[in-house]
């Protein structure tokens, strides 16, 4: 059973290690208070320490994490990352911002669908 509820999202994410710099093709799949899952174009070995940045969010939306798992799913590679920073407020703020963006996206999509063509 999961400890934290996951919030689905598809906003861009940058995951980087000392060996692999964040690049195109990375997008968030879901995020929770404890970590995140993202799609990436390169596998990252389990246990690798990574820096996480969500460029769509405020400049303080950066975190440190550890890759918990990495697997190929269809033509994508997905990785699970556990947050390591102990700053509870910054992790909560990051999750809240992602939720706000997704809520706005849904509202904008509904408004667009209701407009006459």
PDB file of N, CA and C in Angstrom:
ATOM      1  N   UNK A   1       0.843  -1.185   0.000  1.00  0.00           N
ATOM      2  CA  UNK A   1       0.000   0.000   0.000  1.00  0.00           C
ATOM      3  C   UNK A   1       0.882   1.241   0.000  1.00  0.00           C
ATOM      4  N   UNK A   2       0.538   2.219  -0.840  1.00  0.00           N
ATOM      5  CA  UNK A   2       1.312   3.449  -0.943  1.00  0.00           C
ATOM      6  C   UNK A   2       1.156   4.299   0.318  1.00  0.00           C
ATOM      7  N   UNK A   3       2.251   4.958   0.680  1.00  0.00           N
ATOM      8  CA  UNK A   3       2.220   5.862   1.812  1.00  0.00           C
ATOM      9  C   UNK A   3       1.621   7.204   1.415  1.00  0.00           C
ATOM     10  N   UNK A   4       1.909   7.648   0.177  1.00  0.00           N
ATOM     11  CA  UNK A   4       1.463   8.959  -0.275  1.00  0.00           C
ATOM     12  C   UNK A   4       0.601   8.831  -1.531  1.00  0.00           C
ATOM     13  N   UNK A   5      -0.409   9.667  -1.633  1.00  0.00           N
ATOM     14  CA  UNK A   5      -1.286   9.689  -2.804  1.00  0.00           C
ATOM     15  C   UNK A   5      -0.524  10.314  -3.964  1.00  0.00           C
ATOM     16  N   UNK A   6      -0.596   9.682  -5.130  1.00  0.00           N
ATOM     17  CA  UNK A   6       0.080  10.192  -6.318  1.00  0.00           C
ATOM     18  C   UNK A   6      -0.862  11.070  -7.123  1.00  0.00           C
ATOM     19  N   UNK A   7      -0.350  12.202  -7.582  1.00  0.00           N
ATOM     20  CA  UNK A   7      -1.108  13.136  -8.406  1.00  0.00           C
ATOM     21  C   UNK A   7      -0.599  13.027  -9.836  1.00  0.00           C
ATOM     22  N   UNK A   8      -1.458  12.653 -10.788  1.00  0.00           N
ATOM     23  CA  UNK A   8      -1.003  12.515 -12.174  1.00  0.00           C
ATOM     24  C   UNK A   8      -0.655  13.873 -12.778  1.00  0.00           C
ATOM     25  N   UNK A   9       0.334  13.868 -13.651  1.00  0.00           N
ATOM     26  CA  UNK A   9       0.744  15.092 -14.329  1.00  0.00           C
ATOM     27  C   UNK A   9       1.591  14.738 -15.530  1.00  0.00           C
ATOM     28  N   UNK A  10       1.648  15.651 -16.475  1.00  0.00           N
ATOM     29  CA  UNK A  10       2.495  15.458 -17.650  1.00  0.00           C
ATOM     30  C   UNK A  10       3.374  16.673 -17.897  1.00  0.00           C
ATOM     31  N   UNK A  11       3.636  17.483 -16.873  1.00  0.00           N
ATOM     32  CA  UNK A  11       4.467  18.666 -17.078  1.00  0.00           C
ATOM     33  C   UNK A  11       5.923  18.247 -17.257  1.00  0.00           C
ATOM     34  N   UNK A  12       6.711  19.079 -17.927  1.00  0.00           N
ATOM     35  CA  UNK A  12       8.124  18.744 -18.136  1.00  0.00           C
ATOM     36  C   UNK A  12       8.877  18.632 -16.818  1.00  0.00           C
ATOM     37  N   UNK A  13       9.841  17.738 -16.793  1.00  0.00           N
ATOM     38  CA  UNK A  13      10.704  17.568 -15.630  1.00  0.00           C
ATOM     39  C   UNK A  13      12.127  17.396 -16.135  1.00  0.00           C
ATOM     40  N   UNK A  14      13.081  17.895 -15.374  1.00  0.00           N
ATOM     41  CA  UNK A  14      14.486  17.701 -15.707  1.00  0.00           C
ATOM     42  C   UNK A  14      15.120  16.863 -14.607  1.00  0.00           C
ATOM     43  N   UNK A  15      15.611  15.701 -14.994  1.00  0.00           N
ATOM     44  CA  UNK A  15      16.306  14.805 -14.072  1.00  0.00           C
ATOM     45  C   UNK A  15      17.750  14.757 -14.521  1.00  0.00           C
ATOM     46  N   UNK A  16      18.676  15.041 -13.638  1.00  0.00           N
ATOM     47  CA  UNK A  16      20.074  14.992 -14.043  1.00  0.00           C
ATOM     48  C   UNK A  16      20.921  14.330 -12.967  1.00  0.00           C
ATOM     49  N   UNK A  17      21.968  13.689 -13.426  1.00  0.00           N
ATOM     50  CA  UNK A  17      22.975  13.105 -12.547  1.00  0.00           C
ATOM     51  C   UNK A  17      24.291  13.768 -12.931  1.00  0.00           C
ATOM     52  N   UNK A  18      25.347  13.396 -12.295  1.00  0.00           N
ATOM     53  CA  UNK A  18      26.642  13.946 -12.689  1.00  0.00           C
ATOM     54  C   UNK A  18      27.047  13.447 -14.068  1.00  0.00           C
ATOM     55  N   UNK A  19      26.542  12.282 -14.454  1.00  0.00           N
ATOM     56  CA  UNK A  19      26.892  11.700 -15.750  1.00  0.00           C
ATOM     57  C   UNK A  19      25.902  12.074 -16.845  1.00  0.00           C
ATOM     58  N   UNK A  20      24.616  12.189 -16.495  1.00  0.00           N
ATOM     59  CA  UNK A  20      23.566  12.439 -17.481  1.00  0.00           C
ATOM     60  C   UNK A  20      22.898  13.766 -17.160  1.00  0.00           C
ATOM     61  N   UNK A  21      22.930  14.681 -18.106  1.00  0.00           N
ATOM     62  CA  UNK A  21      22.250  15.955 -17.918  1.00  0.00           C
ATOM     63  C   UNK A  21      20.822  15.837 -18.391  1.00  0.00           C
ATOM     64  N   UNK A  22      19.927  16.547 -17.718  1.00  0.00           N
ATOM     65  CA  UNK A  22      18.531  16.541 -18.129  1.00  0.00           C
ATOM     66  C   UNK A  22      18.408  17.014 -19.569  1.00  0.00           C
ATOM     67  N   UNK A  23      17.491  16.426 -20.284  1.00  0.00           N
ATOM     68  CA  UNK A  23      17.346  16.793 -21.687  1.00  0.00           C
ATOM     69  C   UNK A  23      15.907  16.698 -22.115  1.00  0.00           C
ATOM     70  N   UNK A  24      15.717  16.720 -23.413  1.00  0.00           N
ATOM     71  CA  UNK A  24      14.359  16.638 -23.928  1.00  0.00           C
ATOM     72  C   UNK A  24      13.829  15.227 -23.731  1.00  0.00           C
ATOM     73  N   UNK A  25      12.532  15.092 -23.800  1.00  0.00           N
ATOM     74  CA  UNK A  25      11.927  13.776 -23.689  1.00  0.00           C
ATOM     75  C   UNK A  25      11.619  13.346 -22.267  1.00  0.00           C
ATOM     76  N   UNK A  26      11.809  14.231 -21.302  1.00  0.00           N
ATOM     77  CA  UNK A  26      11.486  13.893 -19.928  1.00  0.00           C
ATOM     78  C   UNK A  26      10.187  14.571 -19.555  1.00  0.00           C
ATOM     79  N   UNK A  27       9.243  13.789 -19.018  1.00  0.00           N
ATOM     80  CA  UNK A  27       8.000  14.390 -18.546  1.00  0.00           C
ATOM     81  C   UNK A  27       7.521  13.652 -17.314  1.00  0.00           C
ATOM     82  N   UNK A  28       6.926  14.397 -16.442  1.00  0.00           N
ATOM     83  CA  UNK A  28       6.395  13.862 -15.204  1.00  0.00           C
ATOM     84  C   UNK A  28       5.217  12.950 -15.518  1.00  0.00           C
ATOM     85  N   UNK A  29       5.128  11.831 -14.836  1.00  0.00           N
ATOM     86  CA  UNK A  29       3.959  10.959 -14.971  1.00  0.00           C
ATOM     87  C   UNK A  29       3.058  11.156 -13.750  1.00  0.00           C
ATOM     88  N   UNK A  30       3.657  11.125 -12.568  1.00  0.00           N
ATOM     89  CA  UNK A  30       2.909  11.444 -11.353  1.00  0.00           C
ATOM     90  C   UNK A  30       3.888  11.880 -10.274  1.00  0.00           C
ATOM     91  N   UNK A  31       3.345  12.520  -9.247  1.00  0.00           N
ATOM     92  CA  UNK A  31       4.160  13.038  -8.159  1.00  0.00           C
ATOM     93  C   UNK A  31       3.395  12.869  -6.860  1.00  0.00           C
ATOM     94  N   UNK A  32       4.137  12.651  -5.779  1.00  0.00           N
ATOM     95  CA  UNK A  32       3.533  12.582  -4.451  1.00  0.00           C
ATOM     96  C   UNK A  32       4.484  13.257  -3.478  1.00  0.00           C
ATOM     97  N   UNK A  33       4.083  13.316  -2.242  1.00  0.00           N
ATOM     98  CA  UNK A  33       4.914  13.915  -1.209  1.00  0.00           C
ATOM     99  C   UNK A  33       6.229  13.145  -1.056  1.00  0.00           C
ATOM    100  N   UNK A  34       6.231  11.848  -1.379  1.00  0.00           N
ATOM    101  CA  UNK A  34       7.424  11.021  -1.189  1.00  0.00           C
ATOM    102  C   UNK A  34       8.331  10.907  -2.396  1.00  0.00           C
ATOM    103  N   UNK A  35       7.818  11.224  -3.603  1.00  0.00           N
ATOM    104  CA  UNK A  35       8.659  11.088  -4.785  1.00  0.00           C
ATOM    105  C   UNK A  35       7.863  11.293  -6.056  1.00  0.00           C
ATOM    106  N   UNK A  36       8.435  10.833  -7.172  1.00  0.00           N
ATOM    107  CA  UNK A  36       7.776  11.015  -8.458  1.00  0.00           C
ATOM    108  C   UNK A  36       8.118   9.880  -9.401  1.00  0.00           C
ATOM    109  N   UNK A  37       7.338   9.794 -10.453  1.00  0.00           N
ATOM    110  CA  UNK A  37       7.590   8.877 -11.555  1.00  0.00           C
ATOM    111  C   UNK A  37       7.633   9.738 -12.802  1.00  0.00           C
ATOM    112  N   UNK A  38       8.619   9.484 -13.662  1.00  0.00           N
ATOM    113  CA  UNK A  38       8.687  10.247 -14.897  1.00  0.00           C
ATOM    114  C   UNK A  38       9.103   9.364 -16.054  1.00  0.00           C
ATOM    115  N   UNK A  39       8.771   9.839 -17.243  1.00  0.00           N
ATOM    116  CA  UNK A  39       9.193   9.189 -18.483  1.00  0.00           C
ATOM    117  C   UNK A  39      10.482   9.873 -18.910  1.00  0.00           C
ATOM    118  N   UNK A  40      11.426   9.091 -19.383  1.00  0.00           N
ATOM    119  CA  UNK A  40      12.704   9.647 -19.807  1.00  0.00           C
ATOM    120  C   UNK A  40      13.205   8.917 -21.036  1.00  0.00           C
ATOM    121  N   UNK A  41      14.176   9.493 -21.700  1.00  0.00           N
ATOM    122  CA  UNK A  41      14.695   8.856 -22.900  1.00  0.00           C
ATOM    123  C   UNK A  41      15.949   8.025 -22.643  1.00  0.00           C
ATOM    124  N   UNK A  42      16.475   8.072 -21.417  1.00  0.00           N
ATOM    125  CA  UNK A  42      17.671   7.302 -21.069  1.00  0.00           C
ATOM    126  C   UNK A  42      17.451   6.593 -19.735  1.00  0.00           C
ATOM    127  N   UNK A  43      17.835   5.318 -19.647  1.00  0.00           N
ATOM    128  CA  UNK A  43      17.706   4.631 -18.358  1.00  0.00           C
ATOM    129  C   UNK A  43      18.705   5.202 -17.346  1.00  0.00           C
ATOM    130  N   UNK A  44      18.301   5.178 -16.087  1.00  0.00           N
ATOM    131  CA  UNK A  44      19.180   5.611 -14.999  1.00  0.00           C
ATOM    132  C   UNK A  44      19.215   4.475 -13.983  1.00  0.00           C
ATOM    133  N   UNK A  45      20.398   4.073 -13.604  1.00  0.00           N
ATOM    134  CA  UNK A  45      20.583   2.928 -12.715  1.00  0.00           C
ATOM    135  C   UNK A  45      19.945   3.158 -11.343  1.00  0.00           C
ATOM    136  N   UNK A  46      19.289   2.112 -10.837  1.00  0.00           N
ATOM    137  CA  UNK A  46      18.687   2.157  -9.504  1.00  0.00           C
ATOM    138  C   UNK A  46      19.757   2.538  -8.472  1.00  0.00           C
ATOM    139  N   UNK A  47      19.377   3.419  -7.555  1.00  0.00           N
ATOM    140  CA  UNK A  47      20.297   3.877  -6.515  1.00  0.00           C
ATOM    141  C   UNK A  47      21.032   5.158  -6.867  1.00  0.00           C
ATOM    142  N   UNK A  48      20.962   5.590  -8.124  1.00  0.00           N
ATOM    143  CA  UNK A  48      21.654   6.801  -8.558  1.00  0.00           C
ATOM    144  C   UNK A  48      21.019   8.034  -7.923  1.00  0.00           C
ATOM    145  N   UNK A  49      21.870   8.931  -7.433  1.00  0.00           N
ATOM    146  CA  UNK A  49      21.401  10.201  -6.888  1.00  0.00           C
ATOM    147  C   UNK A  49      21.123  11.138  -8.051  1.00  0.00           C
ATOM    148  N   UNK A  50      19.992  11.850  -8.014  1.00  0.00           N
ATOM    149  CA  UNK A  50      19.610  12.744  -9.103  1.00  0.00           C
ATOM    150  C   UNK A  50      19.154  14.095  -8.558  1.00  0.00           C
ATOM    151  N   UNK A  51      19.304  15.096  -9.401  1.00  0.00           N
ATOM    152  CA  UNK A  51      18.747  16.414  -9.131  1.00  0.00           C
ATOM    153  C   UNK A  51      17.481  16.529  -9.957  1.00  0.00           C
ATOM    154  N   UNK A  52      16.432  17.054  -9.357  1.00  0.00           N
ATOM    155  CA  UNK A  52      15.119  17.151  -9.997  1.00  0.00           C
ATOM    156  C   UNK A  52      14.751  18.624 -10.099  1.00  0.00           C
ATOM    157  N   UNK A  53      14.309  19.012 -11.261  1.00  0.00           N
ATOM    158  CA  UNK A  53      13.858  20.394 -11.470  1.00  0.00           C
ATOM    159  C   UNK A  53      12.598  20.367 -12.320  1.00  0.00           C
ATOM    160  N   UNK A  54      11.599  21.100 -11.901  1.00  0.00           N
ATOM    161  CA  UNK A  54      10.359  21.233 -12.662  1.00  0.00           C
ATOM    162  C   UNK A  54      10.331  22.652 -13.219  1.00  0.00           C
ATOM    163  N   UNK A  55      10.788  22.840 -14.478  1.00  0.00           N
ATOM    164  CA  UNK A  55      10.933  24.196 -15.016  1.00  0.00           C
ATOM    165  C   UNK A  55       9.635  24.981 -15.126  1.00  0.00           C
ATOM    166  N   UNK A  56       8.489  24.325 -15.142  1.00  0.00           N
ATOM    167  CA  UNK A  56       7.202  25.029 -15.223  1.00  0.00           C
ATOM    168  C   UNK A  56       6.828  25.689 -13.903  1.00  0.00           C
ATOM    169  N   UNK A  57       7.485  25.285 -12.839  1.00  0.00           N
ATOM    170  CA  UNK A  57       7.144  25.801 -11.518  1.00  0.00           C
ATOM    171  C   UNK A  57       8.108  26.904 -11.118  1.00  0.00           C
ATOM    172  N   UNK A  58       7.931  27.417  -9.921  1.00  0.00           N
ATOM    173  CA  UNK A  58       8.789  28.494  -9.426  1.00  0.00           C
ATOM    174  C   UNK A  58      10.239  28.016  -9.326  1.00  0.00           C
ATOM    175  N   UNK A  59      11.141  28.961  -9.232  1.00  0.00           N
ATOM    176  CA  UNK A  59      12.573  28.648  -9.235  1.00  0.00           C
ATOM    177  C   UNK A  59      13.005  27.799  -8.042  1.00  0.00           C
ATOM    178  N   UNK A  60      12.216  27.783  -6.984  1.00  0.00           N
ATOM    179  CA  UNK A  60      12.595  26.972  -5.827  1.00  0.00           C
ATOM    180  C   UNK A  60      12.068  25.540  -5.919  1.00  0.00           C
ATOM    181  N   UNK A  61      11.564  25.155  -7.085  1.00  0.00           N
ATOM    182  CA  UNK A  61      11.020  23.815  -7.264  1.00  0.00           C
ATOM    183  C   UNK A  61      12.104  22.855  -7.736  1.00  0.00           C
ATOM    184  N   UNK A  62      13.069  22.667  -6.881  1.00  0.00           N
ATOM    185  CA  UNK A  62      14.161  21.741  -7.139  1.00  0.00           C
ATOM    186  C   UNK A  62      14.283  20.820  -5.947  1.00  0.00           C
ATOM    187  N   UNK A  63      14.711  19.603  -6.206  1.00  0.00           N
ATOM    188  CA  UNK A  63      14.841  18.628  -5.121  1.00  0.00           C
ATOM    189  C   UNK A  63      15.966  17.652  -5.452  1.00  0.00           C
ATOM    190  N   UNK A  64      16.356  16.917  -4.482  1.00  0.00           N
ATOM    191  CA  UNK A  64      17.359  15.860  -4.632  1.00  0.00           C
ATOM    192  C   UNK A  64      16.625  14.555  -4.414  1.00  0.00           C
ATOM    193  N   UNK A  65      17.014  13.526  -5.162  1.00  0.00           N
ATOM    194  CA  UNK A  65      16.344  12.241  -5.034  1.00  0.00           C
ATOM    195  C   UNK A  65      17.253  11.077  -5.352  1.00  0.00           C
ATOM    196  N   UNK A  66      16.705   9.889  -5.179  1.00  0.00           N
ATOM    197  CA  UNK A  66      17.410   8.646  -5.479  1.00  0.00           C
ATOM    198  C   UNK A  66      16.493   7.800  -6.357  1.00  0.00           C
ATOM    199  N   UNK A  67      17.042   7.255  -7.443  1.00  0.00           N
ATOM    200  CA  UNK A  67      16.262   6.413  -8.336  1.00  0.00           C
ATOM    201  C   UNK A  67      15.924   5.118  -7.607  1.00  0.00           C
ATOM    202  N   UNK A  68      14.629   4.856  -7.436  1.00  0.00           N
ATOM    203  CA  UNK A  68      14.159   3.650  -6.754  1.00  0.00           C
ATOM    204  C   UNK A  68      13.998   2.483  -7.710  1.00  0.00           C
ATOM    205  N   UNK A  69      13.626   2.793  -8.949  1.00  0.00           N
ATOM    206  CA  UNK A  69      13.438   1.766  -9.964  1.00  0.00           C
ATOM    207  C   UNK A  69      13.502   2.397 -11.344  1.00  0.00           C
ATOM    208  N   UNK A  70      13.787   1.572 -12.335  1.00  0.00           N
ATOM    209  CA  UNK A  70      13.849   2.003 -13.724  1.00  0.00           C
ATOM    210  C   UNK A  70      13.362   0.840 -14.573  1.00  0.00           C
ATOM    211  N   UNK A  71      12.406   1.107 -15.474  1.00  0.00           N
ATOM    212  CA  UNK A  71      11.891   0.021 -16.320  1.00  0.00           C
ATOM    213  C   UNK A  71      11.441   0.564 -17.670  1.00  0.00           C
ATOM    214  N   UNK A  72      11.510  -0.303 -18.651  1.00  0.00           N
ATOM    215  CA  UNK A  72      11.034   0.038 -19.990  1.00  0.00           C
ATOM    216  C   UNK A  72       9.552  -0.279 -20.039  1.00  0.00           C
ATOM    217  N   UNK A  73       8.760   0.668 -20.548  1.00  0.00           N
ATOM    218  CA  UNK A  73       7.327   0.466 -20.697  1.00  0.00           C
ATOM    219  C   UNK A  73       6.962   0.894 -22.108  1.00  0.00           C
ATOM    220  N   UNK A  74       6.670  -0.095 -22.955  1.00  0.00           N
ATOM    221  CA  UNK A  74       6.454   0.137 -24.382  1.00  0.00           C
ATOM    222  C   UNK A  74       7.706   0.783 -24.966  1.00  0.00           C
ATOM    223  N   UNK A  75       7.581   1.937 -25.591  1.00  0.00           N
ATOM    224  CA  UNK A  75       8.759   2.581 -26.172  1.00  0.00           C
ATOM    225  C   UNK A  75       9.384   3.608 -25.230  1.00  0.00           C
ATOM    226  N   UNK A  76       8.843   3.739 -24.021  1.00  0.00           N
ATOM    227  CA  UNK A  76       9.357   4.701 -23.046  1.00  0.00           C
ATOM    228  C   UNK A  76      10.174   4.017 -21.964  1.00  0.00           C
ATOM    229  N   UNK A  77      10.930   4.806 -21.267  1.00  0.00           N
ATOM    230  CA  UNK A  77      11.607   4.360 -20.053  1.00  0.00           C
ATOM    231  C   UNK A  77      11.009   5.170 -18.915  1.00  0.00           C
ATOM    232  N   UNK A  78      10.604   4.495 -17.857  1.00  0.00           N
ATOM    233  CA  UNK A  78      10.055   5.176 -16.693  1.00  0.00           C
ATOM    234  C   UNK A  78      10.985   4.961 -15.512  1.00  0.00           C
ATOM    235  N   UNK A  79      11.138   6.011 -14.715  1.00  0.00           N
ATOM    236  CA  UNK A  79      11.922   5.881 -13.490  1.00  0.00           C
ATOM    237  C   UNK A  79      11.098   6.383 -12.311  1.00  0.00           C
ATOM    238  N   UNK A  80      11.305   5.738 -11.178  1.00  0.00           N
ATOM    239  CA  UNK A  80      10.705   6.174  -9.922  1.00  0.00           C
ATOM    240  C   UNK A  80      11.790   6.800  -9.076  1.00  0.00           C
ATOM    241  N   UNK A  81      11.525   7.981  -8.534  1.00  0.00           N
ATOM    242  CA  UNK A  81      12.517   8.708  -7.750  1.00  0.00           C
ATOM    243  C   UNK A  81      11.944   9.032  -6.377  1.00  0.00           C
ATOM    244  N   UNK A  82      12.688   8.704  -5.350  1.00  0.00           N
ATOM    245  CA  UNK A  82      12.309   9.026  -3.972  1.00  0.00           C
ATOM    246  C   UNK A  82      12.970  10.348  -3.598  1.00  0.00           C
ATOM    247  N   UNK A  83      12.177  11.303  -3.091  1.00  0.00           N
ATOM    248  CA  UNK A  83      12.754  12.566  -2.632  1.00  0.00           C
ATOM    249  C   UNK A  83      13.648  12.319  -1.433  1.00  0.00           C
ATOM    250  N   UNK A  84      14.764  13.041  -1.377  1.00  0.00           N
ATOM    251  CA  UNK A  84      15.687  12.883  -0.251  1.00  0.00           C
ATOM    252  C   UNK A  84      15.751  14.103   0.649  1.00  0.00           C
ATOM    253  N   UNK A  85      15.374  15.275   0.129  1.00  0.00           N
ATOM    254  CA  UNK A  85      15.486  16.456   0.977  1.00  0.00           C
ATOM    255  C   UNK A  85      14.494  16.366   2.135  1.00  0.00           C
ATOM    256  N   UNK A  86      14.934  16.820   3.270  1.00  0.00           N
ATOM    257  CA  UNK A  86      14.097  16.755   4.472  1.00  0.00           C
ATOM    258  C   UNK A  86      13.207  17.981   4.623  1.00  0.00           C
ATOM    259  N   UNK A  87      13.274  18.905   3.682  1.00  0.00           N
ATOM    260  CA  UNK A  87      12.492  20.126   3.744  1.00  0.00           C
ATOM    261  C   UNK A  87      11.041  19.824   3.368  1.00  0.00           C
ATOM    262  N   UNK A  88      10.242  19.524   4.349  1.00  0.00           N
ATOM    263  CA  UNK A  88       8.848  19.155   4.145  1.00  0.00           C
ATOM    264  C   UNK A  88       8.082  20.240   3.407  1.00  0.00           C
ATOM    265  N   UNK A  89       8.315  21.495   3.757  1.00  0.00           N
ATOM    266  CA  UNK A  89       7.585  22.593   3.129  1.00  0.00           C
ATOM    267  C   UNK A  89       7.864  22.686   1.638  1.00  0.00           C
ATOM    268  N   UNK A  90       9.116  22.509   1.221  1.00  0.00           N
ATOM    269  CA  UNK A  90       9.423  22.634  -0.204  1.00  0.00           C
ATOM    270  C   UNK A  90       8.833  21.468  -1.001  1.00  0.00           C
ATOM    271  N   UNK A  91       8.825  20.258  -0.441  1.00  0.00           N
ATOM    272  CA  UNK A  91       8.217  19.127  -1.137  1.00  0.00           C
ATOM    273  C   UNK A  91       6.710  19.343  -1.266  1.00  0.00           C
ATOM    274  N   UNK A  92       6.078  19.782  -0.204  1.00  0.00           N
ATOM    275  CA  UNK A  92       4.642  20.034  -0.231  1.00  0.00           C
ATOM    276  C   UNK A  92       4.308  21.145  -1.229  1.00  0.00           C
ATOM    277  N   UNK A  93       5.113  22.190  -1.257  1.00  0.00           N
ATOM    278  CA  UNK A  93       4.904  23.298  -2.188  1.00  0.00           C
ATOM    279  C   UNK A  93       5.006  22.811  -3.630  1.00  0.00           C
ATOM    280  N   UNK A  94       5.975  21.949  -3.928  1.00  0.00           N
ATOM    281  CA  UNK A  94       6.151  21.421  -5.278  1.00  0.00           C
ATOM    282  C   UNK A  94       4.924  20.622  -5.706  1.00  0.00           C
ATOM    283  N   UNK A  95       4.435  19.751  -4.838  1.00  0.00           N
ATOM    284  CA  UNK A  95       3.257  18.943  -5.154  1.00  0.00           C
ATOM    285  C   UNK A  95       2.033  19.832  -5.338  1.00  0.00           C
ATOM    286  N   UNK A  96       1.862  20.829  -4.473  1.00  0.00           N
ATOM    287  CA  UNK A  96       0.727  21.749  -4.595  1.00  0.00           C
ATOM    288  C   UNK A  96       0.762  22.504  -5.918  1.00  0.00           C
ATOM    289  N   UNK A  97       1.941  22.939  -6.345  1.00  0.00           N
ATOM    290  CA  UNK A  97       2.052  23.661  -7.609  1.00  0.00           C
ATOM    291  C   UNK A  97       1.673  22.763  -8.787  1.00  0.00           C
ATOM    292  N   UNK A  98       2.125  21.522  -8.765  1.00  0.00           N
ATOM    293  CA  UNK A  98       1.767  20.585  -9.835  1.00  0.00           C
ATOM    294  C   UNK A  98       0.255  20.387  -9.868  1.00  0.00           C
ATOM    295  N   UNK A  99      -0.349  20.218  -8.709  1.00  0.00           N
ATOM    296  CA  UNK A  99      -1.811  20.049  -8.638  1.00  0.00           C
ATOM    297  C   UNK A  99      -2.528  21.282  -9.185  1.00  0.00           C
ATOM    298  N   UNK A 100      -2.038  22.480  -8.862  1.00  0.00           N
ATOM    299  CA  UNK A 100      -2.644  23.713  -9.367  1.00  0.00           C
ATOM    300  C   UNK A 100      -2.558  23.780 -10.892  1.00  0.00           C
ATOM    301  N   UNK A 101      -1.415  23.415 -11.453  1.00  0.00           N
ATOM    302  CA  UNK A 101      -1.250  23.429 -12.911  1.00  0.00           C
ATOM    303  C   UNK A 101      -2.218  22.454 -13.563  1.00  0.00           C
ATOM    304  N   UNK A 102      -2.315  21.251 -13.023  1.00  0.00           N
ATOM    305  CA  UNK A 102      -3.206  20.245 -13.606  1.00  0.00           C
ATOM    306  C   UNK A 102      -4.670  20.666 -13.490  1.00  0.00           C
ATOM    307  N   UNK A 103      -5.045  21.278 -12.373  1.00  0.00           N
ATOM    308  CA  UNK A 103      -6.416  21.772 -12.198  1.00  0.00           C
ATOM    309  C   UNK A 103      -6.712  22.859 -13.242  1.00  0.00           C
ATOM    310  N   UNK A 104      -5.763  23.766 -13.462  1.00  0.00           N
ATOM    311  CA  UNK A 104      -5.933  24.813 -14.455  1.00  0.00           C
ATOM    312  C   UNK A 104      -6.054  24.214 -15.861  1.00  0.00           C
ATOM    313  N   UNK A 105      -5.212  23.233 -16.184  1.00  0.00           N
ATOM    314  CA  UNK A 105      -5.273  22.578 -17.501  1.00  0.00           C
ATOM    315  C   UNK A 105      -6.645  21.960 -17.749  1.00  0.00           C
ATOM    316  N   UNK A 106      -7.179  21.280 -16.746  1.00  0.00           N
ATOM    317  CA  UNK A 106      -8.491  20.647 -16.897  1.00  0.00           C
ATOM    318  C   UNK A 106      -9.582  21.682 -17.103  1.00  0.00           C
ATOM    319  N   UNK A 107      -9.533  22.782 -16.346  1.00  0.00           N
ATOM    320  CA  UNK A 107     -10.533  23.835 -16.485  1.00  0.00           C
ATOM    321  C   UNK A 107     -10.449  24.480 -17.868  1.00  0.00           C
ATOM    322  N   UNK A 108      -9.235  24.744 -18.335  1.00  0.00           N
ATOM    323  CA  UNK A 108      -9.057  25.358 -19.655  1.00  0.00           C
ATOM    324  C   UNK A 108      -9.548  24.421 -20.756  1.00  0.00           C
ATOM    325  N   UNK A 109      -9.283  23.136 -20.612  1.00  0.00           N
ATOM    326  CA  UNK A 109      -9.738  22.162 -21.612  1.00  0.00           C
ATOM    327  C   UNK A 109     -11.264  22.098 -21.644  1.00  0.00           C
ATOM    328  N   UNK A 110     -11.900  22.101 -20.462  1.00  0.00           N
ATOM    329  CA  UNK A 110     -13.358  22.065 -20.407  1.00  0.00           C
ATOM    330  C   UNK A 110     -13.962  23.308 -21.048  1.00  0.00           C
ATOM    331  N   UNK A 111     -13.369  24.476 -20.810  1.00  0.00           N
ATOM    332  CA  UNK A 111     -13.870  25.716 -21.404  1.00  0.00           C
ATOM    333  C   UNK A 111     -13.739  25.647 -22.929  1.00  0.00           C
ATOM    334  N   UNK A 112     -12.627  25.129 -23.401  1.00  0.00           N
ATOM    335  CA  UNK A 112     -12.388  25.020 -24.842  1.00  0.00           C
ATOM    336  C   UNK A 112     -13.402  24.083 -25.490  1.00  0.00           C
ATOM    337  N   UNK A 113     -13.717  22.971 -24.815  1.00  0.00           N
ATOM    338  CA  UNK A 113     -14.669  22.017 -25.357  1.00  0.00           C
ATOM    339  C   UNK A 113     -16.091  22.567 -25.385  1.00  0.00           C
ATOM    340  N   UNK A 114     -16.412  23.480 -24.481  1.00  0.00           N
ATOM    341  CA  UNK A 114     -17.759  24.048 -24.404  1.00  0.00           C
ATOM    342  C   UNK A 114     -17.979  25.169 -25.415  1.00  0.00           C
ATOM    343  N   UNK A 115     -16.899  25.714 -25.993  1.00  0.00           N
ATOM    344  CA  UNK A 115     -17.042  26.791 -26.956  1.00  0.00           C
ATOM    345  C   UNK A 115     -17.604  26.250 -28.264  1.00  0.00           C
ATOM    346  N   UNK A 116     -18.513  27.015 -28.893  1.00  0.00           N
ATOM    347  CA  UNK A 116     -19.043  26.585 -30.194  1.00  0.00           C
ATOM    348  C   UNK A 116     -17.938  26.634 -31.251  1.00  0.00           C
ATOM    349  N   UNK A 117     -17.987  25.700 -32.181  1.00  0.00           N
ATOM    350  CA  UNK A 117     -16.951  25.611 -33.213  1.00  0.00           C
ATOM    351  C   UNK A 117     -17.325  26.364 -34.422  1.00  0.00           C
TER     352      UNK A 117
END
